[in-house]
Amino acid sequence: MQSLAIFPLFYLPPVSYFTALKAHDFDIQLEKYEHFPKQTYRNRASIASPNGILDLTIPVVKGSKMHTPIKDVKISYDLKWQRLHWLSLQTCYRNSAYFEFYEDGLIPFYQKKFDYLFDYNLELLEWIFKQLKVNPLLSFNETYEKEMPLDLDYRNKFSSKKVNPGAETKSYFQVFSDRNEFIANLSIVDLLFNQGPQTKLYL
């Protein structure tokens, strides 16, 4: 019987993802065998731009459709998405209080090429944990479990189209607060760049 909460692995996950992780004391299992669902946070992150929400999407190799396990989905480099994502992060956050603090640690993820989306997301997640100064007990499932207790199954609970369960909506200063209303549940990097070491307290 599954006893650990199981989470999908996302690209620069939203704040609500970390709120949920903390609710489980970061003692969770990561899903390796689900079929890759398109248009989710698995290869998309949402950041704040002068015009509101900007989605950054990692392209995947064609053929990574519904029947490809997430661990086998390959990243496509036909487009220079790494350069585009890094330029977007610089443009949107260079005036934030802590961008320079995290910049050197983050830039290698936009220079080194990773073959698999899962590996890329995992290394990014581990980097984020270091910034939050948490040491999670991460494990990985060995087979896909279709039936799981609802309170432990987070694989389909996070959506950019609706408010996520338990999503943290407490406002904090954002870099474009002078022109946009507060935007809840953006990528964790929005919180890091704006709040720095206070991020862990916010969660």
N, C-alpha and C. Protein backbone atom coordinates (compact mmCIF):
# COMPACT_ATOMS: atom_id res chain seq x y z
N MET A 1 0.86 -1.21 0.00
CA MET A 1 0.00 0.00 0.00
C MET A 1 0.89 1.25 0.00
N GLN A 2 0.58 2.16 -0.90
CA GLN A 2 1.36 3.39 -0.99
C GLN A 2 1.21 4.22 0.27
N SER A 3 2.34 4.58 0.89
CA SER A 3 2.27 5.37 2.12
C SER A 3 2.81 6.78 1.94
N LEU A 4 3.63 6.98 0.89
CA LEU A 4 4.18 8.31 0.62
C LEU A 4 3.34 9.03 -0.41
N ALA A 5 3.28 10.35 -0.29
CA ALA A 5 2.62 11.15 -1.32
C ALA A 5 3.47 11.07 -2.59
N ILE A 6 2.81 10.99 -3.73
CA ILE A 6 3.54 10.92 -4.99
C ILE A 6 3.30 12.20 -5.79
N PHE A 7 4.39 12.78 -6.25
CA PHE A 7 4.35 14.06 -6.96
C PHE A 7 4.91 13.91 -8.37
N PRO A 8 4.38 14.69 -9.31
CA PRO A 8 5.01 14.76 -10.62
C PRO A 8 6.27 15.61 -10.52
N LEU A 9 7.11 15.55 -11.53
CA LEU A 9 8.33 16.37 -11.55
C LEU A 9 8.12 17.49 -12.57
N PHE A 10 8.21 18.73 -12.10
CA PHE A 10 7.91 19.89 -12.93
C PHE A 10 9.16 20.70 -13.26
N TYR A 11 9.02 21.55 -14.27
CA TYR A 11 10.05 22.52 -14.63
C TYR A 11 9.83 23.79 -13.81
N LEU A 12 10.78 24.17 -12.97
CA LEU A 12 10.64 25.36 -12.11
C LEU A 12 9.22 25.43 -11.55
N PRO A 13 8.86 24.51 -10.66
CA PRO A 13 7.47 24.32 -10.24
C PRO A 13 6.84 25.57 -9.62
N PRO A 14 5.50 25.62 -9.61
CA PRO A 14 4.79 26.75 -9.00
C PRO A 14 4.90 26.72 -7.48
N VAL A 15 4.61 27.84 -6.86
CA VAL A 15 4.70 27.98 -5.41
C VAL A 15 3.84 26.93 -4.70
N SER A 16 2.66 26.66 -5.23
CA SER A 16 1.75 25.70 -4.58
C SER A 16 2.36 24.31 -4.48
N TYR A 17 3.23 23.97 -5.41
CA TYR A 17 3.92 22.67 -5.40
C TYR A 17 4.78 22.56 -4.13
N PHE A 18 5.49 23.64 -3.81
CA PHE A 18 6.37 23.62 -2.64
C PHE A 18 5.57 23.72 -1.34
N THR A 19 4.44 24.40 -1.39
CA THR A 19 3.55 24.42 -0.22
C THR A 19 3.07 23.01 0.09
N ALA A 20 2.73 22.27 -0.97
CA ALA A 20 2.27 20.88 -0.79
C ALA A 20 3.42 19.98 -0.33
N LEU A 21 4.61 20.19 -0.89
CA LEU A 21 5.77 19.40 -0.45
C LEU A 21 6.02 19.61 1.04
N LYS A 22 5.93 20.87 1.47
CA LYS A 22 6.19 21.17 2.88
C LYS A 22 5.14 20.52 3.77
N ALA A 23 3.90 20.44 3.29
CA ALA A 23 2.84 19.79 4.07
C ALA A 23 3.16 18.32 4.34
N HIS A 24 4.00 17.75 3.46
CA HIS A 24 4.42 16.35 3.64
C HIS A 24 5.86 16.28 4.16
N ASP A 25 6.34 17.39 4.72
CA ASP A 25 7.71 17.46 5.27
C ASP A 25 8.77 17.07 4.24
N PHE A 26 8.47 17.32 2.98
CA PHE A 26 9.39 17.04 1.87
C PHE A 26 9.77 15.55 1.78
N ASP A 27 8.97 14.70 2.41
CA ASP A 27 9.20 13.25 2.37
C ASP A 27 8.21 12.67 1.36
N ILE A 28 8.65 12.61 0.10
CA ILE A 28 7.71 12.26 -0.98
C ILE A 28 8.37 11.32 -1.98
N GLN A 29 7.54 10.84 -2.89
CA GLN A 29 8.03 10.01 -3.99
C GLN A 29 7.76 10.76 -5.29
N LEU A 30 8.68 10.66 -6.23
CA LEU A 30 8.51 11.30 -7.53
C LEU A 30 8.08 10.28 -8.57
N GLU A 31 7.15 10.69 -9.42
CA GLU A 31 6.57 9.81 -10.44
C GLU A 31 7.48 9.73 -11.67
N LYS A 32 7.90 8.51 -12.01
CA LYS A 32 8.78 8.31 -13.17
C LYS A 32 8.07 7.65 -14.35
N TYR A 33 6.94 7.02 -14.09
CA TYR A 33 6.37 6.14 -15.11
C TYR A 33 5.03 6.60 -15.69
N GLU A 34 4.56 7.76 -15.26
CA GLU A 34 3.32 8.26 -15.88
C GLU A 34 3.58 8.57 -17.34
N HIS A 35 2.52 8.49 -18.15
CA HIS A 35 2.64 8.90 -19.55
C HIS A 35 2.67 10.42 -19.61
N PHE A 36 3.51 10.93 -20.47
CA PHE A 36 3.74 12.37 -20.53
C PHE A 36 2.47 13.11 -20.95
N PRO A 37 1.90 13.92 -20.04
CA PRO A 37 0.73 14.72 -20.42
C PRO A 37 1.18 16.08 -20.94
N LYS A 38 0.63 16.49 -22.05
CA LYS A 38 1.02 17.77 -22.65
C LYS A 38 0.34 18.93 -21.92
N GLN A 39 0.91 20.12 -22.11
CA GLN A 39 0.36 21.38 -21.59
C GLN A 39 0.20 21.34 -20.06
N THR A 40 1.25 20.91 -19.39
CA THR A 40 1.26 20.92 -17.93
C THR A 40 2.57 21.54 -17.47
N TYR A 41 2.72 21.67 -16.15
CA TYR A 41 3.95 22.23 -15.59
C TYR A 41 5.15 21.31 -15.78
N ARG A 42 4.94 20.11 -16.30
CA ARG A 42 6.08 19.20 -16.47
C ARG A 42 7.13 19.78 -17.41
N ASN A 43 6.68 20.56 -18.37
CA ASN A 43 7.65 21.23 -19.25
C ASN A 43 7.30 22.71 -19.44
N ARG A 44 6.60 23.27 -18.45
CA ARG A 44 6.21 24.68 -18.55
C ARG A 44 6.29 25.35 -17.19
N ALA A 45 6.80 26.58 -17.19
CA ALA A 45 6.84 27.38 -15.96
C ALA A 45 6.21 28.74 -16.25
N SER A 46 5.57 29.32 -15.25
CA SER A 46 4.93 30.63 -15.41
C SER A 46 5.68 31.67 -14.59
N ILE A 47 6.07 32.75 -15.24
CA ILE A 47 6.77 33.83 -14.55
C ILE A 47 6.02 35.14 -14.76
N ALA A 48 6.44 36.19 -14.04
CA ALA A 48 5.80 37.50 -14.17
C ALA A 48 6.55 38.34 -15.19
N SER A 49 5.80 38.93 -16.11
CA SER A 49 6.38 39.85 -17.09
C SER A 49 5.67 41.19 -16.95
N PRO A 50 6.14 42.23 -17.63
CA PRO A 50 5.47 43.53 -17.56
C PRO A 50 4.00 43.45 -18.00
N ASN A 51 3.69 42.44 -18.83
CA ASN A 51 2.32 42.30 -19.36
C ASN A 51 1.51 41.20 -18.68
N GLY A 52 2.00 40.74 -17.53
CA GLY A 52 1.28 39.69 -16.82
C GLY A 52 2.04 38.37 -16.87
N ILE A 53 1.31 37.27 -16.92
CA ILE A 53 1.94 35.94 -16.89
C ILE A 53 2.62 35.63 -18.22
N LEU A 54 3.84 35.13 -18.12
CA LEU A 54 4.58 34.67 -19.29
C LEU A 54 4.92 33.20 -19.07
N ASP A 55 4.51 32.34 -19.99
CA ASP A 55 4.80 30.91 -19.88
C ASP A 55 6.09 30.58 -20.64
N LEU A 56 6.97 29.86 -19.98
CA LEU A 56 8.20 29.36 -20.60
C LEU A 56 8.03 27.86 -20.80
N THR A 57 8.12 27.41 -22.03
CA THR A 57 7.86 26.00 -22.34
C THR A 57 9.10 25.32 -22.92
N ILE A 58 9.43 24.17 -22.39
CA ILE A 58 10.54 23.37 -22.92
C ILE A 58 9.99 22.48 -24.03
N PRO A 59 10.48 22.61 -25.26
CA PRO A 59 9.99 21.74 -26.33
C PRO A 59 10.53 20.32 -26.15
N VAL A 60 9.71 19.35 -26.48
CA VAL A 60 10.14 17.96 -26.38
C VAL A 60 10.17 17.33 -27.76
N VAL A 61 10.96 16.28 -27.89
CA VAL A 61 11.10 15.60 -29.18
C VAL A 61 9.77 15.04 -29.62
N LYS A 62 9.45 15.24 -30.88
CA LYS A 62 8.18 14.72 -31.41
C LYS A 62 8.15 13.21 -31.23
N GLY A 63 6.99 12.73 -30.89
CA GLY A 63 6.85 11.31 -30.55
C GLY A 63 6.68 11.14 -29.05
N SER A 64 6.97 12.22 -28.30
CA SER A 64 6.74 12.18 -26.84
C SER A 64 5.27 12.46 -26.58
N LYS A 65 4.46 11.53 -26.99
CA LYS A 65 3.01 11.70 -26.86
C LYS A 65 2.52 10.99 -25.60
N MET A 66 1.27 10.65 -25.61
CA MET A 66 0.63 10.12 -24.41
C MET A 66 1.22 8.78 -23.95
N HIS A 67 1.91 8.06 -24.82
CA HIS A 67 2.36 6.72 -24.44
C HIS A 67 3.83 6.65 -24.08
N THR A 68 4.46 7.80 -23.91
CA THR A 68 5.88 7.83 -23.51
C THR A 68 5.97 8.05 -22.00
N PRO A 69 6.61 7.13 -21.27
CA PRO A 69 6.81 7.38 -19.83
C PRO A 69 7.60 8.67 -19.64
N ILE A 70 7.27 9.41 -18.61
CA ILE A 70 7.89 10.72 -18.38
C ILE A 70 9.41 10.62 -18.30
N LYS A 71 9.94 9.51 -17.77
CA LYS A 71 11.39 9.36 -17.63
C LYS A 71 12.09 9.24 -18.98
N ASP A 72 11.34 8.93 -20.03
CA ASP A 72 11.94 8.72 -21.35
C ASP A 72 11.69 9.89 -22.32
N VAL A 73 11.04 10.93 -21.86
CA VAL A 73 10.75 12.08 -22.74
C VAL A 73 12.04 12.87 -22.98
N LYS A 74 12.37 13.06 -24.24
CA LYS A 74 13.60 13.78 -24.60
C LYS A 74 13.32 15.25 -24.91
N ILE A 75 14.27 16.08 -24.53
CA ILE A 75 14.18 17.51 -24.81
C ILE A 75 14.61 17.77 -26.24
N SER A 76 13.89 18.66 -26.92
CA SER A 76 14.24 19.06 -28.28
C SER A 76 15.06 20.35 -28.24
N TYR A 77 16.10 20.38 -29.07
CA TYR A 77 16.91 21.59 -29.17
C TYR A 77 16.84 22.18 -30.58
N ASP A 78 15.75 21.87 -31.30
CA ASP A 78 15.56 22.45 -32.63
C ASP A 78 15.45 23.97 -32.55
N LEU A 79 14.83 24.42 -31.46
CA LEU A 79 14.74 25.86 -31.20
C LEU A 79 15.70 26.19 -30.06
N LYS A 80 16.21 27.41 -30.04
CA LYS A 80 17.15 27.82 -28.98
C LYS A 80 16.38 28.27 -27.74
N TRP A 81 15.64 27.29 -27.18
CA TRP A 81 14.76 27.64 -26.05
C TRP A 81 15.54 28.03 -24.80
N GLN A 82 16.73 27.45 -24.60
CA GLN A 82 17.50 27.79 -23.41
C GLN A 82 17.87 29.27 -23.41
N ARG A 83 18.32 29.74 -24.57
CA ARG A 83 18.68 31.16 -24.70
C ARG A 83 17.44 32.03 -24.46
N LEU A 84 16.32 31.63 -25.04
CA LEU A 84 15.08 32.39 -24.90
C LEU A 84 14.62 32.43 -23.44
N HIS A 85 14.66 31.30 -22.76
CA HIS A 85 14.22 31.24 -21.37
C HIS A 85 15.12 32.10 -20.48
N TRP A 86 16.44 32.01 -20.71
CA TRP A 86 17.35 32.78 -19.88
C TRP A 86 17.18 34.28 -20.13
N LEU A 87 17.03 34.65 -21.38
CA LEU A 87 16.78 36.07 -21.70
C LEU A 87 15.49 36.56 -21.05
N SER A 88 14.46 35.71 -21.06
CA SER A 88 13.18 36.07 -20.44
C SER A 88 13.34 36.26 -18.94
N LEU A 89 14.07 35.34 -18.29
CA LEU A 89 14.30 35.46 -16.85
C LEU A 89 15.10 36.71 -16.53
N GLN A 90 16.12 37.01 -17.33
CA GLN A 90 16.91 38.22 -17.12
C GLN A 90 16.06 39.48 -17.30
N THR A 91 15.31 39.50 -18.39
CA THR A 91 14.50 40.68 -18.71
C THR A 91 13.45 40.94 -17.64
N CYS A 92 12.82 39.86 -17.18
CA CYS A 92 11.73 40.02 -16.21
C CYS A 92 12.21 40.25 -14.78
N TYR A 93 13.40 39.75 -14.46
CA TYR A 93 13.81 39.77 -13.04
C TYR A 93 15.12 40.49 -12.75
N ARG A 94 15.75 41.08 -13.74
CA ARG A 94 17.05 41.71 -13.46
C ARG A 94 16.95 42.83 -12.44
N ASN A 95 15.75 43.43 -12.30
CA ASN A 95 15.56 44.49 -11.31
C ASN A 95 14.98 43.99 -9.99
N SER A 96 14.80 42.68 -9.87
CA SER A 96 14.29 42.14 -8.61
C SER A 96 15.41 42.16 -7.57
N ALA A 97 15.03 42.07 -6.31
CA ALA A 97 15.99 42.24 -5.22
C ALA A 97 17.08 41.17 -5.18
N TYR A 98 16.76 39.93 -5.65
CA TYR A 98 17.69 38.83 -5.42
C TYR A 98 18.12 38.10 -6.69
N PHE A 99 17.81 38.64 -7.87
CA PHE A 99 18.18 37.94 -9.10
C PHE A 99 19.68 37.67 -9.16
N GLU A 100 20.47 38.69 -8.85
CA GLU A 100 21.93 38.53 -8.92
C GLU A 100 22.43 37.50 -7.92
N PHE A 101 21.72 37.34 -6.83
CA PHE A 101 22.10 36.39 -5.78
C PHE A 101 22.03 34.95 -6.30
N TYR A 102 21.04 34.67 -7.17
CA TYR A 102 20.83 33.31 -7.66
C TYR A 102 21.33 33.08 -9.09
N GLU A 103 21.69 34.14 -9.77
CA GLU A 103 22.00 34.09 -11.19
C GLU A 103 23.10 33.07 -11.53
N ASP A 104 24.21 33.10 -10.80
CA ASP A 104 25.34 32.22 -11.13
C ASP A 104 25.00 30.75 -10.96
N GLY A 105 24.13 30.45 -10.01
CA GLY A 105 23.74 29.06 -9.79
C GLY A 105 22.76 28.55 -10.82
N LEU A 106 21.97 29.45 -11.37
CA LEU A 106 20.90 29.06 -12.29
C LEU A 106 21.35 29.01 -13.75
N ILE A 107 22.28 29.86 -14.11
CA ILE A 107 22.65 29.97 -15.53
C ILE A 107 23.17 28.67 -16.15
N PRO A 108 23.87 27.79 -15.41
CA PRO A 108 24.33 26.55 -16.04
C PRO A 108 23.20 25.71 -16.62
N PHE A 109 21.99 25.83 -16.07
CA PHE A 109 20.85 25.07 -16.59
C PHE A 109 20.40 25.57 -17.96
N TYR A 110 20.92 26.72 -18.36
CA TYR A 110 20.58 27.28 -19.67
C TYR A 110 21.79 27.29 -20.60
N GLN A 111 22.83 26.56 -20.18
CA GLN A 111 24.02 26.40 -21.01
C GLN A 111 24.29 24.94 -21.32
N LYS A 112 24.12 24.09 -20.31
CA LYS A 112 24.36 22.65 -20.49
C LYS A 112 23.14 22.01 -21.14
N LYS A 113 23.40 21.07 -22.05
CA LYS A 113 22.29 20.35 -22.69
C LYS A 113 22.02 19.04 -21.97
N PHE A 114 20.78 18.85 -21.62
CA PHE A 114 20.33 17.60 -21.00
C PHE A 114 19.54 16.82 -22.05
N ASP A 115 19.70 15.50 -22.06
CA ASP A 115 18.94 14.69 -23.01
C ASP A 115 17.48 14.54 -22.60
N TYR A 116 17.27 14.28 -21.30
CA TYR A 116 15.93 13.92 -20.84
C TYR A 116 15.32 15.01 -19.95
N LEU A 117 14.05 15.26 -20.17
CA LEU A 117 13.31 16.25 -19.39
C LEU A 117 13.32 15.90 -17.91
N PHE A 118 13.17 14.63 -17.59
CA PHE A 118 13.11 14.20 -16.19
C PHE A 118 14.42 14.56 -15.47
N ASP A 119 15.55 14.27 -16.11
CA ASP A 119 16.86 14.55 -15.50
C ASP A 119 17.06 16.05 -15.31
N TYR A 120 16.64 16.81 -16.30
CA TYR A 120 16.78 18.27 -16.23
C TYR A 120 15.95 18.83 -15.08
N ASN A 121 14.69 18.42 -15.02
CA ASN A 121 13.80 18.90 -13.96
C ASN A 121 14.30 18.48 -12.58
N LEU A 122 14.84 17.28 -12.49
CA LEU A 122 15.32 16.77 -11.20
C LEU A 122 16.51 17.59 -10.70
N GLU A 123 17.45 17.89 -11.58
CA GLU A 123 18.62 18.68 -11.16
C GLU A 123 18.20 20.10 -10.77
N LEU A 124 17.26 20.65 -11.50
CA LEU A 124 16.74 21.98 -11.15
C LEU A 124 16.06 21.95 -9.79
N LEU A 125 15.26 20.91 -9.55
CA LEU A 125 14.57 20.79 -8.26
C LEU A 125 15.58 20.67 -7.12
N GLU A 126 16.63 19.90 -7.33
CA GLU A 126 17.66 19.75 -6.30
C GLU A 126 18.37 21.08 -6.03
N TRP A 127 18.58 21.86 -7.10
CA TRP A 127 19.18 23.20 -6.92
C TRP A 127 18.26 24.10 -6.10
N ILE A 128 16.95 24.03 -6.39
CA ILE A 128 15.98 24.85 -5.64
C ILE A 128 15.97 24.46 -4.17
N PHE A 129 16.00 23.14 -3.90
CA PHE A 129 16.04 22.69 -2.50
C PHE A 129 17.24 23.26 -1.76
N LYS A 130 18.38 23.34 -2.44
CA LYS A 130 19.58 23.90 -1.81
C LYS A 130 19.36 25.38 -1.45
N GLN A 131 18.68 26.09 -2.34
CA GLN A 131 18.42 27.51 -2.07
C GLN A 131 17.46 27.67 -0.89
N LEU A 132 16.54 26.71 -0.75
CA LEU A 132 15.57 26.76 0.35
C LEU A 132 16.16 26.18 1.64
N LYS A 133 17.38 25.61 1.51
CA LYS A 133 18.04 24.99 2.67
C LYS A 133 17.18 23.88 3.29
N VAL A 134 16.64 23.03 2.41
CA VAL A 134 15.92 21.85 2.87
C VAL A 134 16.60 20.60 2.30
N ASN A 135 16.54 19.51 3.05
CA ASN A 135 17.13 18.25 2.63
C ASN A 135 16.03 17.20 2.53
N PRO A 136 15.35 17.17 1.39
CA PRO A 136 14.19 16.28 1.27
C PRO A 136 14.58 14.81 1.19
N LEU A 137 13.63 13.97 1.59
CA LEU A 137 13.80 12.53 1.45
C LEU A 137 13.08 12.11 0.16
N LEU A 138 13.79 12.19 -0.95
CA LEU A 138 13.18 11.88 -2.24
C LEU A 138 13.39 10.43 -2.61
N SER A 139 12.35 9.82 -3.13
CA SER A 139 12.47 8.48 -3.69
C SER A 139 11.67 8.46 -4.99
N PHE A 140 11.77 7.37 -5.71
CA PHE A 140 11.10 7.28 -7.01
C PHE A 140 10.28 6.00 -7.07
N ASN A 141 9.14 6.08 -7.74
CA ASN A 141 8.33 4.87 -7.87
C ASN A 141 8.99 3.91 -8.87
N GLU A 142 8.65 2.65 -8.76
CA GLU A 142 9.25 1.64 -9.63
C GLU A 142 8.28 1.14 -10.69
N THR A 143 7.00 1.40 -10.47
CA THR A 143 5.97 1.08 -11.47
C THR A 143 4.89 2.14 -11.36
N TYR A 144 4.06 2.23 -12.39
CA TYR A 144 2.96 3.19 -12.34
C TYR A 144 1.80 2.60 -11.54
N GLU A 145 1.37 3.34 -10.53
CA GLU A 145 0.22 2.91 -9.74
C GLU A 145 -0.99 3.75 -10.12
N LYS A 146 -1.96 3.10 -10.71
CA LYS A 146 -3.14 3.83 -11.18
C LYS A 146 -4.04 4.24 -10.03
N GLU A 147 -4.26 3.33 -9.10
CA GLU A 147 -5.15 3.60 -7.98
C GLU A 147 -4.34 4.00 -6.75
N MET A 148 -4.58 5.22 -6.30
CA MET A 148 -3.90 5.70 -5.10
C MET A 148 -4.85 6.51 -4.25
N PRO A 149 -4.62 6.58 -2.94
CA PRO A 149 -5.45 7.45 -2.09
C PRO A 149 -5.38 8.90 -2.60
N LEU A 150 -6.51 9.54 -2.68
CA LEU A 150 -6.56 10.90 -3.22
C LEU A 150 -5.67 11.87 -2.45
N ASP A 151 -5.57 11.67 -1.14
CA ASP A 151 -4.78 12.63 -0.35
C ASP A 151 -3.27 12.43 -0.54
N LEU A 152 -2.88 11.38 -1.25
CA LEU A 152 -1.46 11.13 -1.50
C LEU A 152 -1.08 11.29 -2.98
N ASP A 153 -2.07 11.45 -3.81
CA ASP A 153 -1.82 11.49 -5.26
C ASP A 153 -1.88 12.94 -5.78
N TYR A 154 -0.70 13.49 -6.07
CA TYR A 154 -0.61 14.87 -6.53
C TYR A 154 -0.33 14.97 -8.04
N ARG A 155 -0.42 13.86 -8.72
CA ARG A 155 -0.01 13.85 -10.14
C ARG A 155 -0.88 14.72 -11.03
N ASN A 156 -2.13 14.88 -10.65
CA ASN A 156 -3.02 15.70 -11.48
C ASN A 156 -3.65 16.86 -10.70
N LYS A 157 -3.02 17.26 -9.61
CA LYS A 157 -3.62 18.29 -8.76
C LYS A 157 -3.18 19.72 -9.10
N PHE A 158 -2.11 19.84 -9.92
CA PHE A 158 -1.59 21.17 -10.21
C PHE A 158 -1.93 21.55 -11.65
N SER A 159 -2.65 22.63 -11.79
CA SER A 159 -3.04 23.06 -13.13
C SER A 159 -2.90 24.57 -13.27
N SER A 160 -2.39 25.00 -14.42
CA SER A 160 -2.28 26.43 -14.68
C SER A 160 -3.63 27.03 -15.05
N LYS A 161 -4.63 26.15 -15.25
CA LYS A 161 -5.95 26.62 -15.69
C LYS A 161 -6.91 26.88 -14.53
N LYS A 162 -6.54 26.39 -13.34
CA LYS A 162 -7.45 26.58 -12.21
C LYS A 162 -6.63 26.77 -10.94
N VAL A 163 -7.28 27.25 -9.89
CA VAL A 163 -6.59 27.42 -8.61
C VAL A 163 -6.29 26.05 -8.04
N ASN A 164 -5.05 25.85 -7.67
CA ASN A 164 -4.64 24.54 -7.17
C ASN A 164 -5.03 24.36 -5.71
N PRO A 165 -5.34 23.14 -5.32
CA PRO A 165 -5.71 22.89 -3.92
C PRO A 165 -4.56 23.26 -2.99
N GLY A 166 -4.87 24.04 -1.98
CA GLY A 166 -3.84 24.43 -1.03
C GLY A 166 -2.88 25.48 -1.56
N ALA A 167 -3.19 26.07 -2.71
CA ALA A 167 -2.28 27.07 -3.29
C ALA A 167 -2.15 28.26 -2.35
N GLU A 168 -0.92 28.68 -2.16
CA GLU A 168 -0.65 29.81 -1.29
C GLU A 168 -0.96 31.09 -2.04
N THR A 169 -1.84 31.91 -1.49
CA THR A 169 -2.24 33.14 -2.18
C THR A 169 -1.82 34.40 -1.43
N LYS A 170 -1.10 34.22 -0.33
CA LYS A 170 -0.61 35.35 0.43
C LYS A 170 0.29 36.19 -0.48
N SER A 171 0.03 37.49 -0.55
CA SER A 171 0.78 38.31 -1.50
C SER A 171 2.17 38.65 -0.98
N TYR A 172 3.06 38.92 -1.89
CA TYR A 172 4.40 39.40 -1.60
C TYR A 172 4.77 40.40 -2.70
N PHE A 173 5.80 41.18 -2.49
CA PHE A 173 6.18 42.17 -3.49
C PHE A 173 6.72 41.47 -4.73
N GLN A 174 6.15 41.82 -5.89
CA GLN A 174 6.64 41.29 -7.16
C GLN A 174 7.24 42.43 -7.98
N VAL A 175 8.11 42.05 -8.89
CA VAL A 175 8.92 43.05 -9.59
C VAL A 175 8.08 44.04 -10.41
N PHE A 176 6.90 43.62 -10.87
CA PHE A 176 6.05 44.53 -11.63
C PHE A 176 4.79 44.92 -10.85
N SER A 177 4.92 44.97 -9.53
CA SER A 177 3.78 45.33 -8.67
C SER A 177 3.24 46.72 -8.98
N ASP A 178 4.06 47.56 -9.60
CA ASP A 178 3.61 48.92 -9.90
C ASP A 178 2.63 48.96 -11.07
N ARG A 179 2.61 47.91 -11.88
CA ARG A 179 1.70 47.90 -13.04
C ARG A 179 0.75 46.71 -13.09
N ASN A 180 1.07 45.65 -12.38
CA ASN A 180 0.20 44.47 -12.36
C ASN A 180 -0.32 44.21 -10.95
N GLU A 181 -1.53 43.68 -10.86
CA GLU A 181 -2.00 43.18 -9.56
C GLU A 181 -1.15 41.96 -9.19
N PHE A 182 -1.18 41.60 -7.92
CA PHE A 182 -0.41 40.43 -7.48
C PHE A 182 -0.85 39.19 -8.26
N ILE A 183 0.13 38.44 -8.76
CA ILE A 183 -0.14 37.21 -9.50
C ILE A 183 0.25 36.03 -8.61
N ALA A 184 -0.73 35.26 -8.19
CA ALA A 184 -0.49 34.13 -7.29
C ALA A 184 0.03 32.92 -8.04
N ASN A 185 0.78 32.09 -7.32
CA ASN A 185 1.17 30.77 -7.79
C ASN A 185 2.00 30.76 -9.07
N LEU A 186 2.91 31.70 -9.17
CA LEU A 186 3.88 31.66 -10.26
C LEU A 186 4.96 30.64 -9.91
N SER A 187 5.94 30.50 -10.79
CA SER A 187 7.08 29.62 -10.52
C SER A 187 7.77 30.04 -9.23
N ILE A 188 8.37 29.05 -8.57
CA ILE A 188 9.12 29.30 -7.35
C ILE A 188 10.22 30.33 -7.56
N VAL A 189 10.73 30.47 -8.80
CA VAL A 189 11.80 31.45 -9.02
C VAL A 189 11.29 32.87 -8.85
N ASP A 190 10.01 33.10 -9.10
CA ASP A 190 9.45 34.43 -8.87
C ASP A 190 9.56 34.79 -7.39
N LEU A 191 9.26 33.82 -6.55
CA LEU A 191 9.35 34.02 -5.10
C LEU A 191 10.82 34.17 -4.67
N LEU A 192 11.69 33.34 -5.21
CA LEU A 192 13.11 33.43 -4.86
C LEU A 192 13.71 34.77 -5.27
N PHE A 193 13.44 35.19 -6.50
CA PHE A 193 14.04 36.44 -6.99
C PHE A 193 13.53 37.66 -6.23
N ASN A 194 12.30 37.59 -5.75
CA ASN A 194 11.71 38.73 -5.04
C ASN A 194 11.90 38.68 -3.53
N GLN A 195 11.95 37.47 -2.96
CA GLN A 195 12.01 37.34 -1.51
C GLN A 195 13.31 36.77 -0.98
N GLY A 196 14.10 36.14 -1.85
CA GLY A 196 15.38 35.61 -1.44
C GLY A 196 15.28 34.64 -0.28
N PRO A 197 16.11 34.80 0.74
CA PRO A 197 16.12 33.87 1.87
C PRO A 197 14.79 33.81 2.63
N GLN A 198 13.93 34.80 2.43
CA GLN A 198 12.62 34.79 3.10
C GLN A 198 11.64 33.79 2.47
N THR A 199 12.03 33.23 1.32
CA THR A 199 11.15 32.30 0.60
C THR A 199 10.69 31.14 1.48
N LYS A 200 11.61 30.56 2.23
CA LYS A 200 11.27 29.42 3.07
C LYS A 200 10.23 29.79 4.12
N LEU A 201 10.36 31.00 4.68
CA LEU A 201 9.38 31.46 5.67
C LEU A 201 8.01 31.66 5.03
N TYR A 202 8.01 32.17 3.79
CA TYR A 202 6.73 32.37 3.09
C TYR A 202 6.00 31.04 2.93
N LEU A 203 6.73 30.00 2.56
CA LEU A 203 6.10 28.69 2.37
C LEU A 203 5.54 28.14 3.68
